């Protein structure tokens, strides 16, 4: 499924390649609760293990980031593989209003900028 780790006021989530539709919905509920409970200001969603991101996956990533923003946290998706990004563009799949970063380090830097501006 996925692994969630807490570091300070950030949550770090790795999404497995075999994450299914039901698992994505469960992740949304779990992250929503954890964000509130831990008063997290940022969430990193690492999709580097995913070989495919379909239309449902894109919609769920958008939904997750929107729900987290409502809870006061900013979310960044990182680790989209080049082949996955290419396929998404070819299929006209978009991550509208979703912050993205190349890798974990870039995601942490971006979250620091976003959460600092949020204060």
N, C-alpha and C. Protein backbone atom coordinates (compact mmCIF):
# COMPACT_ATOMS: atom_id res chain seq x y z
N UNK A 1 0.83 -1.19 0.00
CA UNK A 1 0.00 0.00 0.00
C UNK A 1 0.87 1.24 0.00
N UNK A 2 1.08 1.87 1.13
CA UNK A 2 1.92 3.06 1.22
C UNK A 2 2.49 3.15 2.62
N UNK A 3 3.56 3.92 2.73
CA UNK A 3 4.22 4.10 4.02
C UNK A 3 4.16 5.58 4.35
N UNK A 4 3.76 5.89 5.59
CA UNK A 4 3.70 7.27 6.04
C UNK A 4 4.67 7.42 7.21
N UNK A 5 5.55 8.41 7.10
CA UNK A 5 6.50 8.71 8.18
C UNK A 5 6.33 10.17 8.56
N UNK A 6 6.54 10.47 9.83
CA UNK A 6 6.44 11.84 10.33
C UNK A 6 7.83 12.35 10.65
N UNK A 7 8.10 13.58 10.22
CA UNK A 7 9.37 14.23 10.55
C UNK A 7 9.08 15.70 10.84
N UNK A 8 9.11 16.05 12.12
CA UNK A 8 8.75 17.41 12.50
C UNK A 8 7.31 17.68 12.14
N UNK A 9 7.07 18.79 11.42
CA UNK A 9 5.70 19.10 11.02
C UNK A 9 5.40 18.64 9.59
N UNK A 10 6.23 17.72 9.07
CA UNK A 10 6.03 17.17 7.74
C UNK A 10 5.66 15.69 7.81
N UNK A 11 4.85 15.26 6.86
CA UNK A 11 4.56 13.85 6.66
C UNK A 11 5.18 13.44 5.34
N UNK A 12 5.76 12.27 5.31
CA UNK A 12 6.37 11.74 4.08
C UNK A 12 5.66 10.45 3.73
N UNK A 13 5.12 10.39 2.51
CA UNK A 13 4.34 9.24 2.06
C UNK A 13 4.98 8.65 0.81
N UNK A 14 5.23 7.35 0.84
CA UNK A 14 5.69 6.67 -0.37
C UNK A 14 4.53 5.83 -0.89
N UNK A 15 4.23 5.99 -2.15
CA UNK A 15 3.15 5.22 -2.77
C UNK A 15 3.75 4.07 -3.55
N UNK A 16 3.29 2.87 -3.26
CA UNK A 16 3.77 1.67 -3.95
C UNK A 16 3.20 1.60 -5.36
N UNK A 17 3.89 0.86 -6.22
CA UNK A 17 3.44 0.70 -7.59
C UNK A 17 2.10 -0.04 -7.66
N UNK A 18 1.84 -0.90 -6.71
CA UNK A 18 0.62 -1.71 -6.77
C UNK A 18 -0.55 -1.09 -6.00
N UNK A 19 -0.47 0.20 -5.69
CA UNK A 19 -1.55 0.84 -4.95
C UNK A 19 -2.81 0.86 -5.83
N UNK A 20 -3.90 0.39 -5.26
CA UNK A 20 -5.15 0.31 -6.01
C UNK A 20 -6.08 1.47 -5.69
N UNK A 21 -7.20 1.49 -6.36
CA UNK A 21 -8.17 2.57 -6.17
C UNK A 21 -8.65 2.65 -4.72
N UNK A 22 -8.98 1.51 -4.15
CA UNK A 22 -9.45 1.49 -2.75
C UNK A 22 -8.34 1.97 -1.82
N UNK A 23 -7.11 1.55 -2.09
CA UNK A 23 -5.97 1.98 -1.26
C UNK A 23 -5.77 3.49 -1.33
N UNK A 24 -6.00 4.08 -2.51
CA UNK A 24 -5.86 5.53 -2.65
C UNK A 24 -6.91 6.25 -1.81
N UNK A 25 -8.12 5.73 -1.80
CA UNK A 25 -9.17 6.33 -0.98
C UNK A 25 -8.84 6.20 0.50
N UNK A 26 -8.35 5.03 0.90
CA UNK A 26 -7.94 4.82 2.28
C UNK A 26 -6.80 5.76 2.66
N UNK A 27 -5.85 5.95 1.74
CA UNK A 27 -4.74 6.87 1.99
C UNK A 27 -5.25 8.28 2.21
N UNK A 28 -6.21 8.72 1.41
CA UNK A 28 -6.79 10.05 1.58
C UNK A 28 -7.35 10.21 2.99
N UNK A 29 -8.12 9.25 3.43
CA UNK A 29 -8.73 9.32 4.76
C UNK A 29 -7.66 9.30 5.85
N UNK A 30 -6.66 8.46 5.68
CA UNK A 30 -5.58 8.33 6.67
C UNK A 30 -4.76 9.61 6.75
N UNK A 31 -4.40 10.17 5.59
CA UNK A 31 -3.61 11.40 5.58
C UNK A 31 -4.40 12.58 6.14
N UNK A 32 -5.67 12.62 5.82
CA UNK A 32 -6.52 13.68 6.35
C UNK A 32 -6.52 13.66 7.87
N UNK A 33 -6.72 12.48 8.44
CA UNK A 33 -6.73 12.33 9.90
C UNK A 33 -5.36 12.64 10.50
N UNK A 34 -4.30 12.15 9.88
CA UNK A 34 -2.95 12.37 10.41
C UNK A 34 -2.55 13.84 10.35
N UNK A 35 -2.94 14.51 9.27
CA UNK A 35 -2.62 15.93 9.12
C UNK A 35 -3.25 16.74 10.24
N UNK A 36 -4.49 16.42 10.56
CA UNK A 36 -5.18 17.12 11.64
C UNK A 36 -4.56 16.77 12.99
N UNK A 37 -4.37 15.47 13.24
CA UNK A 37 -3.86 15.01 14.53
C UNK A 37 -2.47 15.56 14.84
N UNK A 38 -1.59 15.56 13.83
CA UNK A 38 -0.20 16.00 14.05
C UNK A 38 0.03 17.47 13.72
N UNK A 39 -1.04 18.15 13.27
CA UNK A 39 -0.94 19.56 12.86
C UNK A 39 0.19 19.74 11.85
N UNK A 40 0.22 18.83 10.89
CA UNK A 40 1.27 18.86 9.87
C UNK A 40 1.05 20.06 8.95
N UNK A 41 2.16 20.69 8.58
CA UNK A 41 2.10 21.84 7.68
C UNK A 41 2.45 21.45 6.26
N UNK A 42 3.05 20.26 6.08
CA UNK A 42 3.43 19.84 4.75
C UNK A 42 3.41 18.33 4.63
N UNK A 43 3.12 17.87 3.39
CA UNK A 43 3.08 16.45 3.10
C UNK A 43 3.79 16.22 1.77
N UNK A 44 4.71 15.26 1.76
CA UNK A 44 5.41 14.87 0.54
C UNK A 44 4.84 13.54 0.09
N UNK A 45 4.34 13.51 -1.14
CA UNK A 45 3.79 12.29 -1.74
C UNK A 45 4.80 11.80 -2.78
N UNK A 46 5.55 10.77 -2.44
CA UNK A 46 6.60 10.24 -3.31
C UNK A 46 6.03 9.13 -4.18
N UNK A 47 5.97 9.38 -5.49
CA UNK A 47 5.40 8.42 -6.43
C UNK A 47 6.48 7.74 -7.27
N UNK A 48 7.72 7.80 -6.84
CA UNK A 48 8.83 7.27 -7.64
C UNK A 48 8.75 5.77 -7.88
N UNK A 49 8.02 5.05 -7.04
CA UNK A 49 7.88 3.60 -7.24
C UNK A 49 6.78 3.26 -8.24
N UNK A 50 5.98 4.23 -8.60
CA UNK A 50 4.84 3.97 -9.49
C UNK A 50 5.28 3.99 -10.95
N UNK A 51 5.00 2.90 -11.64
CA UNK A 51 5.34 2.79 -13.05
C UNK A 51 4.23 3.32 -13.94
N UNK A 52 3.03 3.48 -13.36
CA UNK A 52 1.88 3.99 -14.09
C UNK A 52 1.07 4.88 -13.15
N UNK A 53 0.62 6.02 -13.66
CA UNK A 53 -0.35 6.83 -12.95
C UNK A 53 -1.51 7.04 -13.92
N UNK A 54 -2.65 6.40 -13.62
CA UNK A 54 -3.80 6.48 -14.52
C UNK A 54 -4.67 7.68 -14.17
N UNK A 55 -5.79 7.82 -14.86
CA UNK A 55 -6.66 8.98 -14.65
C UNK A 55 -7.21 9.02 -13.23
N UNK A 56 -7.55 7.86 -12.67
CA UNK A 56 -8.04 7.83 -11.30
C UNK A 56 -6.93 8.25 -10.34
N UNK A 57 -5.71 7.77 -10.56
CA UNK A 57 -4.58 8.15 -9.72
C UNK A 57 -4.34 9.65 -9.75
N UNK A 58 -4.42 10.25 -10.94
CA UNK A 58 -4.26 11.71 -11.06
C UNK A 58 -5.35 12.44 -10.28
N UNK A 59 -6.59 12.00 -10.46
CA UNK A 59 -7.69 12.65 -9.73
C UNK A 59 -7.51 12.50 -8.22
N UNK A 60 -7.07 11.33 -7.78
CA UNK A 60 -6.89 11.12 -6.33
C UNK A 60 -5.74 11.97 -5.79
N UNK A 61 -4.66 12.11 -6.55
CA UNK A 61 -3.57 12.98 -6.11
C UNK A 61 -4.05 14.43 -6.00
N UNK A 62 -4.87 14.86 -6.95
CA UNK A 62 -5.45 16.20 -6.88
C UNK A 62 -6.37 16.33 -5.66
N UNK A 63 -7.20 15.32 -5.45
CA UNK A 63 -8.12 15.35 -4.31
C UNK A 63 -7.36 15.37 -2.99
N UNK A 64 -6.35 14.53 -2.88
CA UNK A 64 -5.55 14.48 -1.64
C UNK A 64 -4.93 15.83 -1.36
N UNK A 65 -4.30 16.43 -2.37
CA UNK A 65 -3.63 17.72 -2.13
C UNK A 65 -4.64 18.82 -1.79
N UNK A 66 -5.83 18.78 -2.38
CA UNK A 66 -6.86 19.77 -2.08
C UNK A 66 -7.39 19.60 -0.66
N UNK A 67 -7.68 18.37 -0.26
CA UNK A 67 -8.17 18.10 1.09
C UNK A 67 -7.12 18.52 2.12
N UNK A 68 -5.86 18.20 1.86
CA UNK A 68 -4.81 18.58 2.81
C UNK A 68 -4.68 20.10 2.91
N UNK A 69 -4.84 20.79 1.80
CA UNK A 69 -4.78 22.26 1.83
C UNK A 69 -5.92 22.81 2.68
N UNK A 70 -7.10 22.20 2.59
CA UNK A 70 -8.22 22.63 3.42
C UNK A 70 -7.89 22.46 4.90
N UNK A 71 -7.10 21.43 5.21
CA UNK A 71 -6.68 21.18 6.60
C UNK A 71 -5.48 22.02 7.01
N UNK A 72 -5.02 22.89 6.13
CA UNK A 72 -3.92 23.79 6.47
C UNK A 72 -2.54 23.28 6.13
N UNK A 73 -2.46 22.18 5.39
CA UNK A 73 -1.15 21.62 5.01
C UNK A 73 -0.96 21.78 3.50
N UNK A 74 0.27 21.96 3.10
CA UNK A 74 0.60 21.99 1.67
C UNK A 74 1.18 20.63 1.31
N UNK A 75 0.90 20.19 0.10
CA UNK A 75 1.38 18.88 -0.36
C UNK A 75 2.18 19.06 -1.64
N UNK A 76 3.22 18.24 -1.77
CA UNK A 76 4.05 18.22 -2.97
C UNK A 76 4.18 16.78 -3.43
N UNK A 77 3.92 16.55 -4.71
CA UNK A 77 4.12 15.24 -5.32
C UNK A 77 5.53 15.24 -5.91
N UNK A 78 6.31 14.21 -5.60
CA UNK A 78 7.67 14.14 -6.14
C UNK A 78 7.94 12.75 -6.71
N UNK A 79 8.96 12.70 -7.56
CA UNK A 79 9.45 11.42 -8.06
C UNK A 79 8.73 10.86 -9.27
N UNK A 80 8.00 11.70 -10.01
CA UNK A 80 7.33 11.18 -11.21
C UNK A 80 8.41 10.77 -12.21
N UNK A 81 8.41 9.50 -12.58
CA UNK A 81 9.41 9.00 -13.53
C UNK A 81 9.22 9.65 -14.90
N UNK A 82 10.31 9.82 -15.66
CA UNK A 82 10.19 10.43 -16.99
C UNK A 82 9.20 9.71 -17.90
N UNK A 83 9.23 8.39 -17.92
CA UNK A 83 8.30 7.64 -18.78
C UNK A 83 6.86 7.83 -18.33
N UNK A 84 6.64 7.94 -17.03
CA UNK A 84 5.29 8.17 -16.50
C UNK A 84 4.82 9.57 -16.88
N UNK A 85 5.70 10.55 -16.74
CA UNK A 85 5.34 11.92 -17.12
C UNK A 85 5.00 11.98 -18.61
N UNK A 86 5.79 11.33 -19.43
CA UNK A 86 5.54 11.33 -20.87
C UNK A 86 4.19 10.69 -21.19
N UNK A 87 3.91 9.56 -20.56
CA UNK A 87 2.64 8.88 -20.79
C UNK A 87 1.46 9.75 -20.32
N UNK A 88 1.63 10.43 -19.20
CA UNK A 88 0.56 11.30 -18.71
C UNK A 88 0.26 12.40 -19.71
N UNK A 89 1.31 12.99 -20.27
CA UNK A 89 1.11 14.06 -21.26
C UNK A 89 0.43 13.51 -22.51
N UNK A 90 0.87 12.34 -22.97
CA UNK A 90 0.28 11.74 -24.15
C UNK A 90 -1.20 11.42 -23.95
N UNK A 91 -1.58 11.08 -22.72
CA UNK A 91 -2.97 10.74 -22.41
C UNK A 91 -3.77 11.94 -21.91
N UNK A 92 -3.14 13.12 -21.95
CA UNK A 92 -3.77 14.37 -21.50
C UNK A 92 -4.19 14.32 -20.03
N UNK A 93 -3.41 13.62 -19.21
CA UNK A 93 -3.65 13.57 -17.76
C UNK A 93 -2.87 14.71 -17.12
N UNK A 94 -3.53 15.44 -16.26
CA UNK A 94 -2.91 16.61 -15.65
C UNK A 94 -2.99 16.53 -14.13
N UNK A 95 -2.01 17.11 -13.50
CA UNK A 95 -2.04 17.30 -12.05
C UNK A 95 -2.28 18.78 -11.80
N UNK A 96 -3.51 19.23 -12.09
CA UNK A 96 -3.87 20.64 -11.96
C UNK A 96 -3.78 21.07 -10.50
N UNK A 97 -3.20 22.23 -10.28
CA UNK A 97 -3.09 22.81 -8.94
C UNK A 97 -2.35 21.92 -7.95
N UNK A 98 -1.48 21.06 -8.44
CA UNK A 98 -0.68 20.18 -7.60
C UNK A 98 0.77 20.60 -7.73
N UNK A 99 1.40 20.90 -6.61
CA UNK A 99 2.81 21.24 -6.62
C UNK A 99 3.61 19.97 -6.87
N UNK A 100 4.63 20.05 -7.72
CA UNK A 100 5.46 18.89 -8.00
C UNK A 100 6.93 19.25 -7.83
N UNK A 101 7.73 18.23 -7.56
CA UNK A 101 9.17 18.40 -7.42
C UNK A 101 9.85 17.17 -8.01
N UNK A 102 11.08 17.36 -8.42
CA UNK A 102 11.82 16.27 -9.05
C UNK A 102 12.06 15.11 -8.09
N UNK A 103 12.48 15.42 -6.87
CA UNK A 103 12.82 14.37 -5.91
C UNK A 103 12.51 14.84 -4.49
N UNK A 104 12.83 14.00 -3.52
CA UNK A 104 12.53 14.28 -2.12
C UNK A 104 13.17 15.58 -1.65
N UNK A 105 14.45 15.77 -1.95
CA UNK A 105 15.16 16.97 -1.50
C UNK A 105 14.50 18.23 -2.04
N UNK A 106 14.16 18.22 -3.33
CA UNK A 106 13.49 19.37 -3.92
C UNK A 106 12.11 19.58 -3.30
N UNK A 107 11.43 18.51 -2.97
CA UNK A 107 10.10 18.61 -2.34
C UNK A 107 10.21 19.26 -0.97
N UNK A 108 11.21 18.88 -0.20
CA UNK A 108 11.41 19.47 1.13
C UNK A 108 11.68 20.97 0.99
N UNK A 109 12.55 21.34 0.06
CA UNK A 109 12.85 22.76 -0.15
C UNK A 109 11.60 23.53 -0.56
N UNK A 110 10.82 22.96 -1.48
CA UNK A 110 9.60 23.62 -1.94
C UNK A 110 8.61 23.77 -0.79
N UNK A 111 8.46 22.74 0.02
CA UNK A 111 7.54 22.84 1.16
C UNK A 111 7.97 23.91 2.15
N UNK A 112 9.27 24.05 2.35
CA UNK A 112 9.74 25.11 3.26
C UNK A 112 9.35 26.48 2.72
N UNK A 113 9.47 26.66 1.43
CA UNK A 113 9.07 27.93 0.81
C UNK A 113 7.55 28.12 0.92
N UNK A 114 6.79 27.09 0.59
CA UNK A 114 5.32 27.19 0.61
C UNK A 114 4.78 27.41 2.01
N UNK A 115 5.32 26.71 2.99
CA UNK A 115 4.79 26.84 4.35
C UNK A 115 5.26 28.14 5.00
N UNK A 116 6.41 28.62 4.62
CA UNK A 116 6.89 29.91 5.15
C UNK A 116 6.00 31.03 4.62
N UNK A 117 5.65 30.96 3.34
CA UNK A 117 4.79 31.97 2.72
C UNK A 117 3.37 31.89 3.28
N UNK A 118 3.00 30.73 3.80
CA UNK A 118 1.66 30.48 4.32
C UNK A 118 1.44 31.17 5.66
N UNK A 119 2.52 31.44 6.39
CA UNK A 119 2.41 32.00 7.75
C UNK A 119 1.89 33.42 7.71
